[in-house]
Amino acid sequence: MQANYLMEKKLTAVQTKELAQALPAHFKQLDGEFHQRAAWLRAAAAQDSELVACHYSRLVESCALCHAAYARSRFPGFSPPVQQGHHH
């Protein structure tokens, strides 16, 4: 996953600038958050399976949110995120 981090690919300065301008801010936020979520890897190294499951679940959730919002043509099974209403 780290090797696929779009914003850290070996791009020229011009390509990096073009990419930064072309991508929506929300996509860049989701992409950055996804690749910063290495907590499950640290939990795995510590052999804490419960914590691995918790962090991995959050990681997969972020994948689904981003794919639903920005990659539906590539992942047609994803539907757009459902907006949660305000509940008490």
PDB file of N, CA and C in Angstrom:
ATOM      1  N   MET A   1       0.829  -1.192   0.000  1.00  0.00           N
ATOM      2  CA  MET A   1       0.000   0.000   0.000  1.00  0.00           C
ATOM      3  C   MET A   1       0.870   1.250   0.000  1.00  0.00           C
ATOM      4  N   GLN A   2       1.909   1.254   0.814  1.00  0.00           N
ATOM      5  CA  GLN A   2       2.776   2.428   0.843  1.00  0.00           C
ATOM      6  C   GLN A   2       3.381   2.679  -0.535  1.00  0.00           C
ATOM      7  N   ALA A   3       3.748   1.605  -1.227  1.00  0.00           N
ATOM      8  CA  ALA A   3       4.376   1.756  -2.535  1.00  0.00           C
ATOM      9  C   ALA A   3       3.415   2.355  -3.553  1.00  0.00           C
ATOM     10  N   ASN A   4       2.122   2.274  -3.308  1.00  0.00           N
ATOM     11  CA  ASN A   4       1.123   2.800  -4.235  1.00  0.00           C
ATOM     12  C   ASN A   4       0.645   4.191  -3.871  1.00  0.00           C
ATOM     13  N   TYR A   5       1.231   4.807  -2.856  1.00  0.00           N
ATOM     14  CA  TYR A   5       0.784   6.128  -2.424  1.00  0.00           C
ATOM     15  C   TYR A   5       0.986   7.121  -3.556  1.00  0.00           C
ATOM     16  N   LEU A   6      -0.112   7.563  -4.130  1.00  0.00           N
ATOM     17  CA  LEU A   6      -0.116   8.410  -5.311  1.00  0.00           C
ATOM     18  C   LEU A   6       0.730   9.660  -5.139  1.00  0.00           C
ATOM     19  N   MET A   7       0.626  10.291  -3.984  1.00  0.00           N
ATOM     20  CA  MET A   7       1.310  11.558  -3.790  1.00  0.00           C
ATOM     21  C   MET A   7       2.811  11.384  -3.539  1.00  0.00           C
ATOM     22  N   GLU A   8       3.296  10.155  -3.390  1.00  0.00           N
ATOM     23  CA  GLU A   8       4.718   9.937  -3.174  1.00  0.00           C
ATOM     24  C   GLU A   8       5.380   9.212  -4.346  1.00  0.00           C
ATOM     25  N   LYS A   9       4.701   9.100  -5.460  1.00  0.00           N
ATOM     26  CA  LYS A   9       5.285   8.474  -6.638  1.00  0.00           C
ATOM     27  C   LYS A   9       6.460   9.327  -7.114  1.00  0.00           C
ATOM     28  N   LYS A  10       7.353   8.705  -7.838  1.00  0.00           N
ATOM     29  CA  LYS A  10       8.498   9.430  -8.382  1.00  0.00           C
ATOM     30  C   LYS A  10       8.036  10.203  -9.616  1.00  0.00           C
ATOM     31  N   LEU A  11       7.626  11.414  -9.375  1.00  0.00           N
ATOM     32  CA  LEU A  11       7.134  12.282 -10.439  1.00  0.00           C
ATOM     33  C   LEU A  11       8.082  13.458 -10.604  1.00  0.00           C
ATOM     34  N   THR A  12       8.068  14.038 -11.779  1.00  0.00           N
ATOM     35  CA  THR A  12       8.838  15.264 -11.974  1.00  0.00           C
ATOM     36  C   THR A  12       8.155  16.382 -11.203  1.00  0.00           C
ATOM     37  N   ALA A  13       8.856  17.473 -11.026  1.00  0.00           N
ATOM     38  CA  ALA A  13       8.284  18.620 -10.322  1.00  0.00           C
ATOM     39  C   ALA A  13       7.041  19.125 -11.045  1.00  0.00           C
ATOM     40  N   VAL A  14       7.079  19.134 -12.364  1.00  0.00           N
ATOM     41  CA  VAL A  14       5.934  19.588 -13.163  1.00  0.00           C
ATOM     42  C   VAL A  14       4.756  18.635 -12.968  1.00  0.00           C
ATOM     43  N   GLN A  15       5.012  17.315 -13.031  1.00  0.00           N
ATOM     44  CA  GLN A  15       3.944  16.337 -12.845  1.00  0.00           C
ATOM     45  C   GLN A  15       3.333  16.445 -11.451  1.00  0.00           C
ATOM     46  N   THR A  16       4.159  16.634 -10.444  1.00  0.00           N
ATOM     47  CA  THR A  16       3.671  16.763  -9.073  1.00  0.00           C
ATOM     48  C   THR A  16       2.760  17.981  -8.945  1.00  0.00           C
ATOM     49  N   LYS A  17       3.162  19.094  -9.549  1.00  0.00           N
ATOM     50  CA  LYS A  17       2.352  20.314  -9.508  1.00  0.00           C
ATOM     51  C   LYS A  17       1.032  20.107 -10.235  1.00  0.00           C
ATOM     52  N   GLU A  18       1.086  19.483 -11.417  1.00  0.00           N
ATOM     53  CA  GLU A  18      -0.136  19.222 -12.187  1.00  0.00           C
ATOM     54  C   GLU A  18      -1.083  18.307 -11.419  1.00  0.00           C
ATOM     55  N   LEU A  19      -0.531  17.282 -10.810  1.00  0.00           N
ATOM     56  CA  LEU A  19      -1.349  16.350 -10.033  1.00  0.00           C
ATOM     57  C   LEU A  19      -1.983  17.046  -8.841  1.00  0.00           C
ATOM     58  N   ALA A  20      -1.204  17.818  -8.124  1.00  0.00           N
ATOM     59  CA  ALA A  20      -1.717  18.529  -6.953  1.00  0.00           C
ATOM     60  C   ALA A  20      -2.845  19.477  -7.332  1.00  0.00           C
ATOM     61  N   GLN A  21      -2.753  20.088  -8.517  1.00  0.00           N
ATOM     62  CA  GLN A  21      -3.799  21.012  -8.962  1.00  0.00           C
ATOM     63  C   GLN A  21      -5.025  20.278  -9.489  1.00  0.00           C
ATOM     64  N   ALA A  22      -4.830  19.093 -10.050  1.00  0.00           N
ATOM     65  CA  ALA A  22      -5.925  18.367 -10.684  1.00  0.00           C
ATOM     66  C   ALA A  22      -6.796  17.601  -9.684  1.00  0.00           C
ATOM     67  N   LEU A  23      -6.193  17.117  -8.612  1.00  0.00           N
ATOM     68  CA  LEU A  23      -6.955  16.297  -7.668  1.00  0.00           C
ATOM     69  C   LEU A  23      -7.779  17.155  -6.717  1.00  0.00           C
ATOM     70  N   PRO A  24      -9.002  16.722  -6.434  1.00  0.00           N
ATOM     71  CA  PRO A  24      -9.819  17.456  -5.464  1.00  0.00           C
ATOM     72  C   PRO A  24      -9.177  17.403  -4.075  1.00  0.00           C
ATOM     73  N   ALA A  25      -9.363  18.447  -3.300  1.00  0.00           N
ATOM     74  CA  ALA A  25      -8.783  18.519  -1.957  1.00  0.00           C
ATOM     75  C   ALA A  25      -9.256  17.352  -1.082  1.00  0.00           C
ATOM     76  N   HIS A  26     -10.522  16.985  -1.206  1.00  0.00           N
ATOM     77  CA  HIS A  26     -11.053  15.884  -0.393  1.00  0.00           C
ATOM     78  C   HIS A  26     -10.364  14.566  -0.740  1.00  0.00           C
ATOM     79  N   PHE A  27     -10.082  14.339  -2.019  1.00  0.00           N
ATOM     80  CA  PHE A  27      -9.356  13.135  -2.417  1.00  0.00           C
ATOM     81  C   PHE A  27      -7.975  13.118  -1.778  1.00  0.00           C
ATOM     82  N   LYS A  28      -7.272  14.246  -1.850  1.00  0.00           N
ATOM     83  CA  LYS A  28      -5.923  14.311  -1.285  1.00  0.00           C
ATOM     84  C   LYS A  28      -5.954  14.074   0.218  1.00  0.00           C
ATOM     85  N   GLN A  29      -6.988  14.574   0.880  1.00  0.00           N
ATOM     86  CA  GLN A  29      -7.135  14.357   2.325  1.00  0.00           C
ATOM     87  C   GLN A  29      -7.327  12.867   2.614  1.00  0.00           C
ATOM     88  N   LEU A  30      -8.266  12.227   1.905  1.00  0.00           N
ATOM     89  CA  LEU A  30      -8.517  10.798   2.116  1.00  0.00           C
ATOM     90  C   LEU A  30      -7.289   9.958   1.801  1.00  0.00           C
ATOM     91  N   ASP A  31      -6.616  10.289   0.709  1.00  0.00           N
ATOM     92  CA  ASP A  31      -5.430   9.536   0.306  1.00  0.00           C
ATOM     93  C   ASP A  31      -4.331   9.658   1.358  1.00  0.00           C
ATOM     94  N   GLY A  32      -4.117  10.849   1.851  1.00  0.00           N
ATOM     95  CA  GLY A  32      -3.093  11.053   2.874  1.00  0.00           C
ATOM     96  C   GLY A  32      -3.425  10.336   4.168  1.00  0.00           C
ATOM     97  N   GLU A  33      -4.684  10.414   4.583  1.00  0.00           N
ATOM     98  CA  GLU A  33      -5.105   9.735   5.807  1.00  0.00           C
ATOM     99  C   GLU A  33      -4.946   8.229   5.677  1.00  0.00           C
ATOM    100  N   PHE A  34      -5.295   7.697   4.518  1.00  0.00           N
ATOM    101  CA  PHE A  34      -5.169   6.264   4.282  1.00  0.00           C
ATOM    102  C   PHE A  34      -3.727   5.810   4.472  1.00  0.00           C
ATOM    103  N   HIS A  35      -2.816   6.529   3.873  1.00  0.00           N
ATOM    104  CA  HIS A  35      -1.423   6.099   3.919  1.00  0.00           C
ATOM    105  C   HIS A  35      -0.736   6.436   5.231  1.00  0.00           C
ATOM    106  N   GLN A  36      -1.350   7.251   6.061  1.00  0.00           N
ATOM    107  CA  GLN A  36      -0.803   7.522   7.383  1.00  0.00           C
ATOM    108  C   GLN A  36      -1.326   6.533   8.418  1.00  0.00           C
ATOM    109  N   ARG A  37      -2.258   5.702   8.045  1.00  0.00           N
ATOM    110  CA  ARG A  37      -2.856   4.759   8.983  1.00  0.00           C
ATOM    111  C   ARG A  37      -2.029   3.480   9.073  1.00  0.00           C
ATOM    112  N   ALA A  38      -0.828   3.608   9.549  1.00  0.00           N
ATOM    113  CA  ALA A  38       0.049   2.454   9.710  1.00  0.00           C
ATOM    114  C   ALA A  38      -0.074   1.872  11.109  1.00  0.00           C
ATOM    115  N   ALA A  39      -1.025   2.335  11.891  1.00  0.00           N
ATOM    116  CA  ALA A  39      -1.190   1.852  13.263  1.00  0.00           C
ATOM    117  C   ALA A  39      -1.435   0.355  13.298  1.00  0.00           C
ATOM    118  N   TRP A  40      -2.143  -0.175  12.294  1.00  0.00           N
ATOM    119  CA  TRP A  40      -2.412  -1.612  12.287  1.00  0.00           C
ATOM    120  C   TRP A  40      -1.131  -2.409  12.062  1.00  0.00           C
ATOM    121  N   LEU A  41      -0.170  -1.835  11.336  1.00  0.00           N
ATOM    122  CA  LEU A  41       1.111  -2.513  11.136  1.00  0.00           C
ATOM    123  C   LEU A  41       1.901  -2.562  12.437  1.00  0.00           C
ATOM    124  N   ARG A  42       1.866  -1.475  13.196  1.00  0.00           N
ATOM    125  CA  ARG A  42       2.553  -1.460  14.496  1.00  0.00           C
ATOM    126  C   ARG A  42       1.890  -2.440  15.462  1.00  0.00           C
ATOM    127  N   ALA A  43       0.562  -2.503  15.426  1.00  0.00           N
ATOM    128  CA  ALA A  43      -0.155  -3.442  16.293  1.00  0.00           C
ATOM    129  C   ALA A  43       0.177  -4.882  15.898  1.00  0.00           C
ATOM    130  N   ALA A  44       0.323  -5.133  14.609  1.00  0.00           N
ATOM    131  CA  ALA A  44       0.683  -6.478  14.150  1.00  0.00           C
ATOM    132  C   ALA A  44       2.085  -6.844  14.626  1.00  0.00           C
ATOM    133  N   ALA A  45       3.004  -5.895  14.534  1.00  0.00           N
ATOM    134  CA  ALA A  45       4.371  -6.151  14.998  1.00  0.00           C
ATOM    135  C   ALA A  45       4.395  -6.457  16.496  1.00  0.00           C
ATOM    136  N   ALA A  46       3.454  -5.846  17.231  1.00  0.00           N
ATOM    137  CA  ALA A  46       3.348  -6.088  18.670  1.00  0.00           C
ATOM    138  C   ALA A  46       2.500  -7.322  18.977  1.00  0.00           C
ATOM    139  N   GLN A  47       2.014  -7.986  17.934  1.00  0.00           N
ATOM    140  CA  GLN A  47       1.182  -9.187  18.037  1.00  0.00           C
ATOM    141  C   GLN A  47      -0.091  -8.940  18.851  1.00  0.00           C
ATOM    142  N   ASP A  48      -0.678  -7.765  18.661  1.00  0.00           N
ATOM    143  CA  ASP A  48      -1.927  -7.402  19.327  1.00  0.00           C
ATOM    144  C   ASP A  48      -3.063  -7.564  18.311  1.00  0.00           C
ATOM    145  N   SER A  49      -3.604  -8.773  18.220  1.00  0.00           N
ATOM    146  CA  SER A  49      -4.580  -9.080  17.173  1.00  0.00           C
ATOM    147  C   SER A  49      -5.861  -8.264  17.301  1.00  0.00           C
ATOM    148  N   GLU A  50      -6.291  -7.965  18.504  1.00  0.00           N
ATOM    149  CA  GLU A  50      -7.514  -7.173  18.684  1.00  0.00           C
ATOM    150  C   GLU A  50      -7.325  -5.758  18.141  1.00  0.00           C
ATOM    151  N   LEU A  51      -6.182  -5.171  18.443  1.00  0.00           N
ATOM    152  CA  LEU A  51      -5.901  -3.819  17.950  1.00  0.00           C
ATOM    153  C   LEU A  51      -5.690  -3.827  16.437  1.00  0.00           C
ATOM    154  N   VAL A  52      -5.077  -4.883  15.914  1.00  0.00           N
ATOM    155  CA  VAL A  52      -4.920  -5.015  14.461  1.00  0.00           C
ATOM    156  C   VAL A  52      -6.294  -4.984  13.802  1.00  0.00           C
ATOM    157  N   ALA A  53      -7.219  -5.771  14.312  1.00  0.00           N
ATOM    158  CA  ALA A  53      -8.559  -5.847  13.730  1.00  0.00           C
ATOM    159  C   ALA A  53      -9.252  -4.485  13.763  1.00  0.00           C
ATOM    160  N   CYS A  54      -9.117  -3.776  14.859  1.00  0.00           N
ATOM    161  CA  CYS A  54      -9.745  -2.453  15.002  1.00  0.00           C
ATOM    162  C   CYS A  54      -9.174  -1.469  13.971  1.00  0.00           C
ATOM    163  N   HIS A  55      -7.859  -1.360  13.927  1.00  0.00           N
ATOM    164  CA  HIS A  55      -7.228  -0.418  13.000  1.00  0.00           C
ATOM    165  C   HIS A  55      -7.431  -0.833  11.544  1.00  0.00           C
ATOM    166  N   TYR A  56      -7.384  -2.121  11.273  1.00  0.00           N
ATOM    167  CA  TYR A  56      -7.556  -2.593   9.902  1.00  0.00           C
ATOM    168  C   TYR A  56      -8.974  -2.293   9.416  1.00  0.00           C
ATOM    169  N   SER A  57      -9.947  -2.428  10.304  1.00  0.00           N
ATOM    170  CA  SER A  57     -11.326  -2.110   9.956  1.00  0.00           C
ATOM    171  C   SER A  57     -11.457  -0.645   9.549  1.00  0.00           C
ATOM    172  N   ARG A  58     -10.821   0.244  10.293  1.00  0.00           N
ATOM    173  CA  ARG A  58     -10.857   1.673   9.968  1.00  0.00           C
ATOM    174  C   ARG A  58     -10.146   1.945   8.639  1.00  0.00           C
ATOM    175  N   LEU A  59      -9.070   1.217   8.394  1.00  0.00           N
ATOM    176  CA  LEU A  59      -8.337   1.356   7.150  1.00  0.00           C
ATOM    177  C   LEU A  59      -9.208   0.975   5.954  1.00  0.00           C
ATOM    178  N   VAL A  60      -9.875  -0.179   6.056  1.00  0.00           N
ATOM    179  CA  VAL A  60     -10.735  -0.645   4.966  1.00  0.00           C
ATOM    180  C   VAL A  60     -11.906   0.314   4.758  1.00  0.00           C
ATOM    181  N   GLU A  61     -12.423   0.861   5.835  1.00  0.00           N
ATOM    182  CA  GLU A  61     -13.505   1.843   5.726  1.00  0.00           C
ATOM    183  C   GLU A  61     -13.048   3.060   4.922  1.00  0.00           C
ATOM    184  N   SER A  62     -11.821   3.513   5.160  1.00  0.00           N
ATOM    185  CA  SER A  62     -11.328   4.665   4.407  1.00  0.00           C
ATOM    186  C   SER A  62     -11.150   4.310   2.926  1.00  0.00           C
ATOM    187  N   CYS A  63     -10.763   3.061   2.640  1.00  0.00           N
ATOM    188  CA  CYS A  63     -10.666   2.606   1.235  1.00  0.00           C
ATOM    189  C   CYS A  63     -12.031   2.719   0.570  1.00  0.00           C
ATOM    190  N   ALA A  64     -13.036   2.176   1.238  1.00  0.00           N
ATOM    191  CA  ALA A  64     -14.386   2.156   0.675  1.00  0.00           C
ATOM    192  C   ALA A  64     -14.915   3.566   0.445  1.00  0.00           C
ATOM    193  N   LEU A  65     -14.682   4.467   1.376  1.00  0.00           N
ATOM    194  CA  LEU A  65     -15.142   5.851   1.218  1.00  0.00           C
ATOM    195  C   LEU A  65     -14.512   6.509  -0.003  1.00  0.00           C
ATOM    196  N   CYS A  66     -13.215   6.329  -0.142  1.00  0.00           N
ATOM    197  CA  CYS A  66     -12.516   6.961  -1.258  1.00  0.00           C
ATOM    198  C   CYS A  66     -12.919   6.331  -2.586  1.00  0.00           C
ATOM    199  N   HIS A  67     -12.993   5.007  -2.641  1.00  0.00           N
ATOM    200  CA  HIS A  67     -13.372   4.337  -3.889  1.00  0.00           C
ATOM    201  C   HIS A  67     -14.795   4.702  -4.297  1.00  0.00           C
ATOM    202  N   ALA A  68     -15.693   4.806  -3.329  1.00  0.00           N
ATOM    203  CA  ALA A  68     -17.075   5.172  -3.634  1.00  0.00           C
ATOM    204  C   ALA A  68     -17.156   6.591  -4.179  1.00  0.00           C
ATOM    205  N   ALA A  69     -16.329   7.467  -3.655  1.00  0.00           N
ATOM    206  CA  ALA A  69     -16.383   8.863  -4.068  1.00  0.00           C
ATOM    207  C   ALA A  69     -15.603   9.138  -5.354  1.00  0.00           C
ATOM    208  N   TYR A  70     -14.466   8.455  -5.553  1.00  0.00           N
ATOM    209  CA  TYR A  70     -13.560   8.852  -6.636  1.00  0.00           C
ATOM    210  C   TYR A  70     -13.193   7.766  -7.636  1.00  0.00           C
ATOM    211  N   ALA A  71     -13.613   6.539  -7.421  1.00  0.00           N
ATOM    212  CA  ALA A  71     -13.170   5.478  -8.333  1.00  0.00           C
ATOM    213  C   ALA A  71     -14.303   4.539  -8.712  1.00  0.00           C
ATOM    214  N   ARG A  72     -15.520   5.056  -8.813  1.00  0.00           N
ATOM    215  CA  ARG A  72     -16.652   4.182  -9.135  1.00  0.00           C
ATOM    216  C   ARG A  72     -16.535   3.566 -10.516  1.00  0.00           C
ATOM    217  N   SER A  73     -15.881   4.225 -11.454  1.00  0.00           N
ATOM    218  CA  SER A  73     -15.724   3.618 -12.782  1.00  0.00           C
ATOM    219  C   SER A  73     -14.769   2.425 -12.716  1.00  0.00           C
ATOM    220  N   ARG A  74     -13.809   2.487 -11.837  1.00  0.00           N
ATOM    221  CA  ARG A  74     -12.861   1.383 -11.667  1.00  0.00           C
ATOM    222  C   ARG A  74     -13.388   0.327 -10.709  1.00  0.00           C
ATOM    223  N   PHE A  75     -14.217   0.746  -9.748  1.00  0.00           N
ATOM    224  CA  PHE A  75     -14.805  -0.145  -8.757  1.00  0.00           C
ATOM    225  C   PHE A  75     -16.320   0.051  -8.776  1.00  0.00           C
ATOM    226  N   PRO A  76     -17.012  -0.468  -9.793  1.00  0.00           N
ATOM    227  CA  PRO A  76     -18.433  -0.168  -9.980  1.00  0.00           C
ATOM    228  C   PRO A  76     -19.337  -0.694  -8.860  1.00  0.00           C
ATOM    229  N   GLY A  77     -18.861  -1.592  -8.034  1.00  0.00           N
ATOM    230  CA  GLY A  77     -19.685  -2.115  -6.949  1.00  0.00           C
ATOM    231  C   GLY A  77     -19.848  -1.157  -5.788  1.00  0.00           C
ATOM    232  N   PHE A  78     -19.034  -0.123  -5.743  1.00  0.00           N
ATOM    233  CA  PHE A  78     -19.137   0.841  -4.648  1.00  0.00           C
ATOM    234  C   PHE A  78     -20.222   1.859  -4.956  1.00  0.00           C
ATOM    235  N   SER A  79     -20.995   2.197  -3.957  1.00  0.00           N
ATOM    236  CA  SER A  79     -22.011   3.225  -4.124  1.00  0.00           C
ATOM    237  C   SER A  79     -21.523   4.490  -3.435  1.00  0.00           C
ATOM    238  N   PRO A  80     -22.107   5.625  -3.783  1.00  0.00           N
ATOM    239  CA  PRO A  80     -21.667   6.870  -3.155  1.00  0.00           C
ATOM    240  C   PRO A  80     -21.891   6.822  -1.650  1.00  0.00           C
ATOM    241  N   PRO A  81     -21.051   7.525  -0.891  1.00  0.00           N
ATOM    242  CA  PRO A  81     -21.222   7.544   0.563  1.00  0.00           C
ATOM    243  C   PRO A  81     -22.593   8.079   0.951  1.00  0.00           C
ATOM    244  N   VAL A  82     -23.186   7.484   1.957  1.00  0.00           N
ATOM    245  CA  VAL A  82     -24.483   7.922   2.463  1.00  0.00           C
ATOM    246  C   VAL A  82     -24.238   9.029   3.479  1.00  0.00           C
ATOM    247  N   GLN A  83     -24.896  10.150   3.276  1.00  0.00           N
ATOM    248  CA  GLN A  83     -24.765  11.265   4.211  1.00  0.00           C
ATOM    249  C   GLN A  83     -25.566  10.952   5.460  1.00  0.00           C
ATOM    250  N   GLN A  84     -24.915  11.003   6.587  1.00  0.00           N
ATOM    251  CA  GLN A  84     -25.584  10.749   7.855  1.00  0.00           C
ATOM    252  C   GLN A  84     -26.259  12.016   8.330  1.00  0.00           C
ATOM    253  N   GLY A  85     -27.520  11.888   8.723  1.00  0.00           N
ATOM    254  CA  GLY A  85     -28.251  13.021   9.282  1.00  0.00           C
ATOM    255  C   GLY A  85     -27.839  13.250  10.722  1.00  0.00           C
ATOM    256  N   HIS A  86     -28.254  14.331  11.272  1.00  0.00           N
ATOM    257  CA  HIS A  86     -27.955  14.657  12.669  1.00  0.00           C
ATOM    258  C   HIS A  86     -28.953  13.935  13.554  1.00  0.00           C
ATOM    259  N   HIS A  87     -28.471  13.080  14.436  1.00  0.00           N
ATOM    260  CA  HIS A  87     -29.338  12.317  15.334  1.00  0.00           C
ATOM    261  C   HIS A  87     -28.888  12.496  16.761  1.00  0.00           C
ATOM    262  N   HIS A  88     -29.853  12.385  17.669  1.00  0.00           N
ATOM    263  CA  HIS A  88     -29.540  12.434  19.101  1.00  0.00           C
ATOM    264  C   HIS A  88     -29.812  11.092  19.704  1.00  0.00           C
TER     265      HIS A  88
END
